């Protein structure tokens, strides 16, 4: 009997973090969808750990540039140069630039519900979860080759614990989606010239 109690407690301790993670993911996903749907730039920015995200992206992009595998070498010429990676990350990964995402959504895909852009969900060891964002089928004008191209435009956001909440600490994106240049003006003034009207 004592063995059964110990096994039951051990099972509970193992399953509890997974349950908490599952329900946390659903809650955070609902908050992200609501923030975009309601045009709440501040709510979405609050879900990003900008310091950790900048550090991760610098390391990840440098690693991609140095990748000597056949695929890595083929993509190495896209995105910013190795010398510009840190500048590009520091320039774009700022709270104010969240407005650029809203502007792109509003001006291009406003008729498509926000949650349709979440195309995959998963867990990221040790404790974290991810949402992969990409173009849903209804955003692709032509089937076939166009959908295959759209499949390449995917970004995976990994949420990690930050205090008592979950924030984006990693962003996995292909090199060709990373801007090459920085500008003298703030990015939001260039890429989101109109105020958000969601």
C-alpha atoms as a PDB file:
ATOM      1  CA  UNK A   1       0.000   0.000   0.000  1.00  0.00           C
ATOM      2  CA  UNK A   2       2.802   2.359   0.917  1.00  0.00           C
ATOM      3  CA  UNK A   3       4.418   1.718  -2.483  1.00  0.00           C
ATOM      4  CA  UNK A   4       1.175   2.629  -4.258  1.00  0.00           C
ATOM      5  CA  UNK A   5       0.932   5.905  -2.316  1.00  0.00           C
ATOM      6  CA  UNK A   6       4.548   6.772  -3.174  1.00  0.00           C
ATOM      7  CA  UNK A   7       3.982   5.952  -6.849  1.00  0.00           C
ATOM      8  CA  UNK A   8       0.784   8.019  -6.899  1.00  0.00           C
ATOM      9  CA  UNK A   9       2.576  10.995  -5.332  1.00  0.00           C
ATOM     10  CA  UNK A  10       5.471  10.643  -7.765  1.00  0.00           C
ATOM     11  CA  UNK A  11       3.026  10.532 -10.684  1.00  0.00           C
ATOM     12  CA  UNK A  12       1.293  13.647  -9.384  1.00  0.00           C
ATOM     13  CA  UNK A  13       4.588  15.511  -9.025  1.00  0.00           C
ATOM     14  CA  UNK A  14       5.562  14.564 -12.576  1.00  0.00           C
ATOM     15  CA  UNK A  15       2.196  15.433 -14.136  1.00  0.00           C
ATOM     16  CA  UNK A  16       1.613  18.669 -12.206  1.00  0.00           C
ATOM     17  CA  UNK A  17       4.219  20.772 -14.067  1.00  0.00           C
ATOM     18  CA  UNK A  18       2.920  19.447 -17.407  1.00  0.00           C
ATOM     19  CA  UNK A  19      -0.663  20.378 -16.442  1.00  0.00           C
ATOM     20  CA  UNK A  20       0.355  23.839 -15.269  1.00  0.00           C
ATOM     21  CA  UNK A  21       2.340  24.347 -18.476  1.00  0.00           C
ATOM     22  CA  UNK A  22      -0.600  23.241 -20.646  1.00  0.00           C
ATOM     23  CA  UNK A  23      -3.118  25.582 -18.987  1.00  0.00           C
ATOM     24  CA  UNK A  24      -0.589  28.430 -18.857  1.00  0.00           C
ATOM     25  CA  UNK A  25      -0.010  28.051 -22.571  1.00  0.00           C
ATOM     26  CA  UNK A  26      -3.735  28.276 -23.310  1.00  0.00           C
ATOM     27  CA  UNK A  27      -4.072  31.390 -21.125  1.00  0.00           C
ATOM     28  CA  UNK A  28      -1.064  33.143 -22.667  1.00  0.00           C
ATOM     29  CA  UNK A  29      -2.201  32.257 -26.183  1.00  0.00           C
ATOM     30  CA  UNK A  30      -5.649  33.747 -25.484  1.00  0.00           C
ATOM     31  CA  UNK A  31      -4.016  36.911 -24.121  1.00  0.00           C
ATOM     32  CA  UNK A  32      -1.752  37.255 -27.174  1.00  0.00           C
ATOM     33  CA  UNK A  33      -4.700  36.814 -29.558  1.00  0.00           C
ATOM     34  CA  UNK A  34      -6.782  39.347 -27.578  1.00  0.00           C
ATOM     35  CA  UNK A  35      -3.911  41.858 -27.501  1.00  0.00           C
ATOM     36  CA  UNK A  36      -3.528  41.755 -31.287  1.00  0.00           C
ATOM     37  CA  UNK A  37      -7.284  41.679 -31.975  1.00  0.00           C
ATOM     38  CA  UNK A  38      -7.863  44.702 -29.727  1.00  0.00           C
ATOM     39  CA  UNK A  39      -4.832  46.652 -30.933  1.00  0.00           C
ATOM     40  CA  UNK A  40      -3.265  46.639 -27.465  1.00  0.00           C
ATOM     41  CA  UNK A  41       0.398  47.194 -28.304  1.00  0.00           C
ATOM     42  CA  UNK A  42       1.410  47.505 -24.635  1.00  0.00           C
ATOM     43  CA  UNK A  43      -0.186  44.169 -23.686  1.00  0.00           C
ATOM     44  CA  UNK A  44       1.727  42.361 -26.417  1.00  0.00           C
ATOM     45  CA  UNK A  45       4.993  44.134 -25.576  1.00  0.00           C
ATOM     46  CA  UNK A  46       4.532  43.046 -21.937  1.00  0.00           C
ATOM     47  CA  UNK A  47       4.698  39.430 -23.143  1.00  0.00           C
ATOM     48  CA  UNK A  48       8.266  39.883 -24.439  1.00  0.00           C
ATOM     49  CA  UNK A  49      11.464  39.755 -22.389  1.00  0.00           C
ATOM     50  CA  UNK A  50      13.365  42.131 -24.639  1.00  0.00           C
ATOM     51  CA  UNK A  51      16.743  41.726 -22.920  1.00  0.00           C
ATOM     52  CA  UNK A  52      16.685  37.923 -23.154  1.00  0.00           C
ATOM     53  CA  UNK A  53      15.278  38.031 -26.672  1.00  0.00           C
ATOM     54  CA  UNK A  54      18.025  40.348 -27.926  1.00  0.00           C
ATOM     55  CA  UNK A  55      20.715  38.171 -26.330  1.00  0.00           C
ATOM     56  CA  UNK A  56      19.208  35.009 -27.839  1.00  0.00           C
ATOM     57  CA  UNK A  57      18.831  36.475 -31.326  1.00  0.00           C
ATOM     58  CA  UNK A  58      22.407  37.737 -31.443  1.00  0.00           C
ATOM     59  CA  UNK A  59      23.728  34.310 -30.502  1.00  0.00           C
ATOM     60  CA  UNK A  60      21.331  32.448 -32.807  1.00  0.00           C
ATOM     61  CA  UNK A  61      21.911  34.642 -35.863  1.00  0.00           C
ATOM     62  CA  UNK A  62      25.691  34.505 -35.471  1.00  0.00           C
ATOM     63  CA  UNK A  63      25.435  30.697 -35.270  1.00  0.00           C
ATOM     64  CA  UNK A  64      23.316  30.613 -38.436  1.00  0.00           C
ATOM     65  CA  UNK A  65      25.814  32.796 -40.279  1.00  0.00           C
ATOM     66  CA  UNK A  66      28.636  30.435 -39.241  1.00  0.00           C
ATOM     67  CA  UNK A  67      26.701  27.271 -40.196  1.00  0.00           C
ATOM     68  CA  UNK A  68      28.803  25.367 -42.753  1.00  0.00           C
ATOM     69  CA  UNK A  69      26.222  22.686 -43.545  1.00  0.00           C
ATOM     70  CA  UNK A  70      24.888  22.671 -47.147  1.00  0.00           C
ATOM     71  CA  UNK A  71      21.609  24.354 -46.145  1.00  0.00           C
ATOM     72  CA  UNK A  72      23.309  26.776 -43.742  1.00  0.00           C
ATOM     73  CA  UNK A  73      25.896  27.798 -46.335  1.00  0.00           C
ATOM     74  CA  UNK A  74      23.168  28.333 -48.947  1.00  0.00           C
ATOM     75  CA  UNK A  75      21.287  30.721 -46.625  1.00  0.00           C
ATOM     76  CA  UNK A  76      24.336  32.479 -45.166  1.00  0.00           C
ATOM     77  CA  UNK A  77      24.154  35.328 -47.713  1.00  0.00           C
ATOM     78  CA  UNK A  78      20.626  36.300 -46.663  1.00  0.00           C
ATOM     79  CA  UNK A  79      19.796  38.547 -43.735  1.00  0.00           C
ATOM     80  CA  UNK A  80      22.273  40.981 -42.181  1.00  0.00           C
ATOM     81  CA  UNK A  81      26.017  40.561 -42.473  1.00  0.00           C
ATOM     82  CA  UNK A  82      27.749  39.023 -39.454  1.00  0.00           C
ATOM     83  CA  UNK A  83      29.201  42.466 -38.668  1.00  0.00           C
ATOM     84  CA  UNK A  84      25.700  44.021 -38.617  1.00  0.00           C
ATOM     85  CA  UNK A  85      23.799  41.384 -36.610  1.00  0.00           C
ATOM     86  CA  UNK A  86      24.151  43.057 -33.208  1.00  0.00           C
ATOM     87  CA  UNK A  87      23.156  46.474 -34.604  1.00  0.00           C
ATOM     88  CA  UNK A  88      20.136  45.031 -36.423  1.00  0.00           C
ATOM     89  CA  UNK A  89      18.929  43.158 -33.335  1.00  0.00           C
ATOM     90  CA  UNK A  90      19.354  46.182 -31.055  1.00  0.00           C
ATOM     91  CA  UNK A  91      17.563  48.416 -33.573  1.00  0.00           C
ATOM     92  CA  UNK A  92      14.513  46.241 -34.254  1.00  0.00           C
ATOM     93  CA  UNK A  93      13.958  44.358 -30.987  1.00  0.00           C
ATOM     94  CA  UNK A  94      12.420  47.257 -29.069  1.00  0.00           C
ATOM     95  CA  UNK A  95       8.972  47.658 -27.443  1.00  0.00           C
ATOM     96  CA  UNK A  96       7.977  50.513 -29.781  1.00  0.00           C
ATOM     97  CA  UNK A  97       8.503  48.295 -32.817  1.00  0.00           C
ATOM     98  CA  UNK A  98       5.679  45.946 -31.776  1.00  0.00           C
ATOM     99  CA  UNK A  99       3.458  48.497 -33.544  1.00  0.00           C
ATOM    100  CA  UNK A 100       4.993  47.395 -36.867  1.00  0.00           C
ATOM    101  CA  UNK A 101       3.358  43.972 -36.490  1.00  0.00           C
ATOM    102  CA  UNK A 102      -0.027  45.603 -35.901  1.00  0.00           C
ATOM    103  CA  UNK A 103       0.402  47.851 -38.918  1.00  0.00           C
ATOM    104  CA  UNK A 104       1.281  44.898 -41.181  1.00  0.00           C
ATOM    105  CA  UNK A 105      -1.697  42.906 -39.897  1.00  0.00           C
ATOM    106  CA  UNK A 106      -4.106  45.831 -40.244  1.00  0.00           C
ATOM    107  CA  UNK A 107      -2.949  46.796 -43.717  1.00  0.00           C
ATOM    108  CA  UNK A 108      -2.694  43.290 -45.168  1.00  0.00           C
ATOM    109  CA  UNK A 109      -4.642  40.611 -43.290  1.00  0.00           C
ATOM    110  CA  UNK A 110      -7.231  42.385 -41.138  1.00  0.00           C
ATOM    111  CA  UNK A 111     -10.062  40.168 -42.445  1.00  0.00           C
ATOM    112  CA  UNK A 112      -8.342  37.002 -41.162  1.00  0.00           C
ATOM    113  CA  UNK A 113      -8.799  36.173 -37.436  1.00  0.00           C
ATOM    114  CA  UNK A 114      -5.577  36.528 -35.451  1.00  0.00           C
ATOM    115  CA  UNK A 115      -5.622  32.983 -34.082  1.00  0.00           C
ATOM    116  CA  UNK A 116      -5.406  31.588 -37.643  1.00  0.00           C
ATOM    117  CA  UNK A 117      -1.789  32.799 -37.780  1.00  0.00           C
ATOM    118  CA  UNK A 118      -0.826  30.402 -34.969  1.00  0.00           C
ATOM    119  CA  UNK A 119      -0.105  27.332 -37.049  1.00  0.00           C
ATOM    120  CA  UNK A 120       1.613  25.119 -34.477  1.00  0.00           C
ATOM    121  CA  UNK A 121       1.928  24.792 -30.718  1.00  0.00           C
ATOM    122  CA  UNK A 122       4.476  22.833 -28.728  1.00  0.00           C
ATOM    123  CA  UNK A 123       6.582  22.461 -25.622  1.00  0.00           C
ATOM    124  CA  UNK A 124      10.187  23.636 -25.321  1.00  0.00           C
ATOM    125  CA  UNK A 125      12.367  21.854 -22.736  1.00  0.00           C
ATOM    126  CA  UNK A 126      13.023  22.276 -19.941  1.00  0.00           C
ATOM    127  CA  UNK A 127      10.020  24.374 -18.989  1.00  0.00           C
ATOM    128  CA  UNK A 128       8.637  26.454 -21.770  1.00  0.00           C
ATOM    129  CA  UNK A 129       6.246  26.358 -24.666  1.00  0.00           C
ATOM    130  CA  UNK A 130       6.206  27.675 -28.197  1.00  0.00           C
ATOM    131  CA  UNK A 131       3.844  29.096 -30.768  1.00  0.00           C
ATOM    132  CA  UNK A 132       4.769  28.987 -34.437  1.00  0.00           C
ATOM    133  CA  UNK A 133       3.361  31.847 -36.484  1.00  0.00           C
ATOM    134  CA  UNK A 134       2.919  31.760 -40.234  1.00  0.00           C
ATOM    135  CA  UNK A 135       0.518  32.455 -43.079  1.00  0.00           C
ATOM    136  CA  UNK A 136      -2.732  30.467 -42.855  1.00  0.00           C
ATOM    137  CA  UNK A 137      -4.096  28.914 -46.085  1.00  0.00           C
ATOM    138  CA  UNK A 138      -6.616  31.748 -46.568  1.00  0.00           C
ATOM    139  CA  UNK A 139      -3.770  34.304 -46.676  1.00  0.00           C
ATOM    140  CA  UNK A 140      -2.156  32.568 -49.652  1.00  0.00           C
ATOM    141  CA  UNK A 141      -3.519  33.757 -53.012  1.00  0.00           C
ATOM    142  CA  UNK A 142      -2.549  30.670 -55.015  1.00  0.00           C
ATOM    143  CA  UNK A 143      -2.345  27.051 -53.870  1.00  0.00           C
ATOM    144  CA  UNK A 144       0.588  24.753 -54.521  1.00  0.00           C
ATOM    145  CA  UNK A 145       3.888  26.561 -54.980  1.00  0.00           C
ATOM    146  CA  UNK A 146       2.618  29.680 -53.188  1.00  0.00           C
ATOM    147  CA  UNK A 147       1.700  27.619 -50.132  1.00  0.00           C
ATOM    148  CA  UNK A 148       5.096  25.929 -50.185  1.00  0.00           C
ATOM    149  CA  UNK A 149       6.729  29.370 -50.200  1.00  0.00           C
ATOM    150  CA  UNK A 150       4.449  30.524 -47.378  1.00  0.00           C
ATOM    151  CA  UNK A 151       5.575  27.545 -45.300  1.00  0.00           C
ATOM    152  CA  UNK A 152       9.080  29.037 -45.279  1.00  0.00           C
ATOM    153  CA  UNK A 153       7.760  32.264 -43.682  1.00  0.00           C
ATOM    154  CA  UNK A 154       7.359  30.842 -40.210  1.00  0.00           C
ATOM    155  CA  UNK A 155       8.594  32.188 -36.912  1.00  0.00           C
ATOM    156  CA  UNK A 156       8.606  30.185 -33.669  1.00  0.00           C
ATOM    157  CA  UNK A 157       8.268  32.173 -30.443  1.00  0.00           C
ATOM    158  CA  UNK A 158       9.414  30.368 -27.289  1.00  0.00           C
ATOM    159  CA  UNK A 159       7.932  31.466 -23.974  1.00  0.00           C
ATOM    160  CA  UNK A 160      10.000  31.063 -20.805  1.00  0.00           C
ATOM    161  CA  UNK A 161       9.189  31.873 -17.189  1.00  0.00           C
ATOM    162  CA  UNK A 162      10.014  35.460 -16.278  1.00  0.00           C
ATOM    163  CA  UNK A 163       9.133  36.027 -12.630  1.00  0.00           C
ATOM    164  CA  UNK A 164       5.610  34.675 -12.258  1.00  0.00           C
ATOM    165  CA  UNK A 165       4.590  34.987 -15.880  1.00  0.00           C
ATOM    166  CA  UNK A 166       5.554  33.743 -19.346  1.00  0.00           C
ATOM    167  CA  UNK A 167       7.395  35.918 -21.828  1.00  0.00           C
ATOM    168  CA  UNK A 168       8.945  35.445 -25.259  1.00  0.00           C
ATOM    169  CA  UNK A 169      12.659  34.832 -24.680  1.00  0.00           C
ATOM    170  CA  UNK A 170      13.530  33.191 -28.021  1.00  0.00           C
ATOM    171  CA  UNK A 171      12.490  33.840 -31.585  1.00  0.00           C
ATOM    172  CA  UNK A 172      13.464  31.289 -34.217  1.00  0.00           C
ATOM    173  CA  UNK A 173      13.309  32.819 -37.691  1.00  0.00           C
ATOM    174  CA  UNK A 174      15.038  32.000 -40.981  1.00  0.00           C
ATOM    175  CA  UNK A 175      17.885  34.348 -41.909  1.00  0.00           C
ATOM    176  CA  UNK A 176      16.111  35.654 -45.006  1.00  0.00           C
ATOM    177  CA  UNK A 177      13.353  37.111 -42.795  1.00  0.00           C
ATOM    178  CA  UNK A 178      15.813  39.178 -40.744  1.00  0.00           C
ATOM    179  CA  UNK A 179      16.265  42.767 -42.012  1.00  0.00           C
ATOM    180  CA  UNK A 180      19.687  43.663 -43.359  1.00  0.00           C
ATOM    181  CA  UNK A 181      19.884  47.349 -42.441  1.00  0.00           C
ATOM    182  CA  UNK A 182      19.324  49.860 -39.671  1.00  0.00           C
ATOM    183  CA  UNK A 183      18.222  53.450 -40.276  1.00  0.00           C
ATOM    184  CA  UNK A 184      18.664  56.880 -38.711  1.00  0.00           C
ATOM    185  CA  UNK A 185      14.939  57.094 -37.914  1.00  0.00           C
ATOM    186  CA  UNK A 186      13.190  54.794 -35.438  1.00  0.00           C
ATOM    187  CA  UNK A 187      11.962  51.673 -37.254  1.00  0.00           C
ATOM    188  CA  UNK A 188       8.347  52.264 -36.215  1.00  0.00           C
ATOM    189  CA  UNK A 189       8.301  55.606 -38.071  1.00  0.00           C
ATOM    190  CA  UNK A 190       9.492  53.921 -41.261  1.00  0.00           C
ATOM    191  CA  UNK A 191       7.523  50.662 -41.223  1.00  0.00           C
ATOM    192  CA  UNK A 192       4.350  51.727 -39.392  1.00  0.00           C
ATOM    193  CA  UNK A 193       3.802  55.265 -40.680  1.00  0.00           C
ATOM    194  CA  UNK A 194       0.095  55.386 -39.814  1.00  0.00           C
ATOM    195  CA  UNK A 195      -1.397  55.088 -36.320  1.00  0.00           C
ATOM    196  CA  UNK A 196      -2.967  51.745 -35.446  1.00  0.00           C
ATOM    197  CA  UNK A 197      -6.737  51.813 -35.947  1.00  0.00           C
ATOM    198  CA  UNK A 198      -7.796  48.324 -34.898  1.00  0.00           C
END
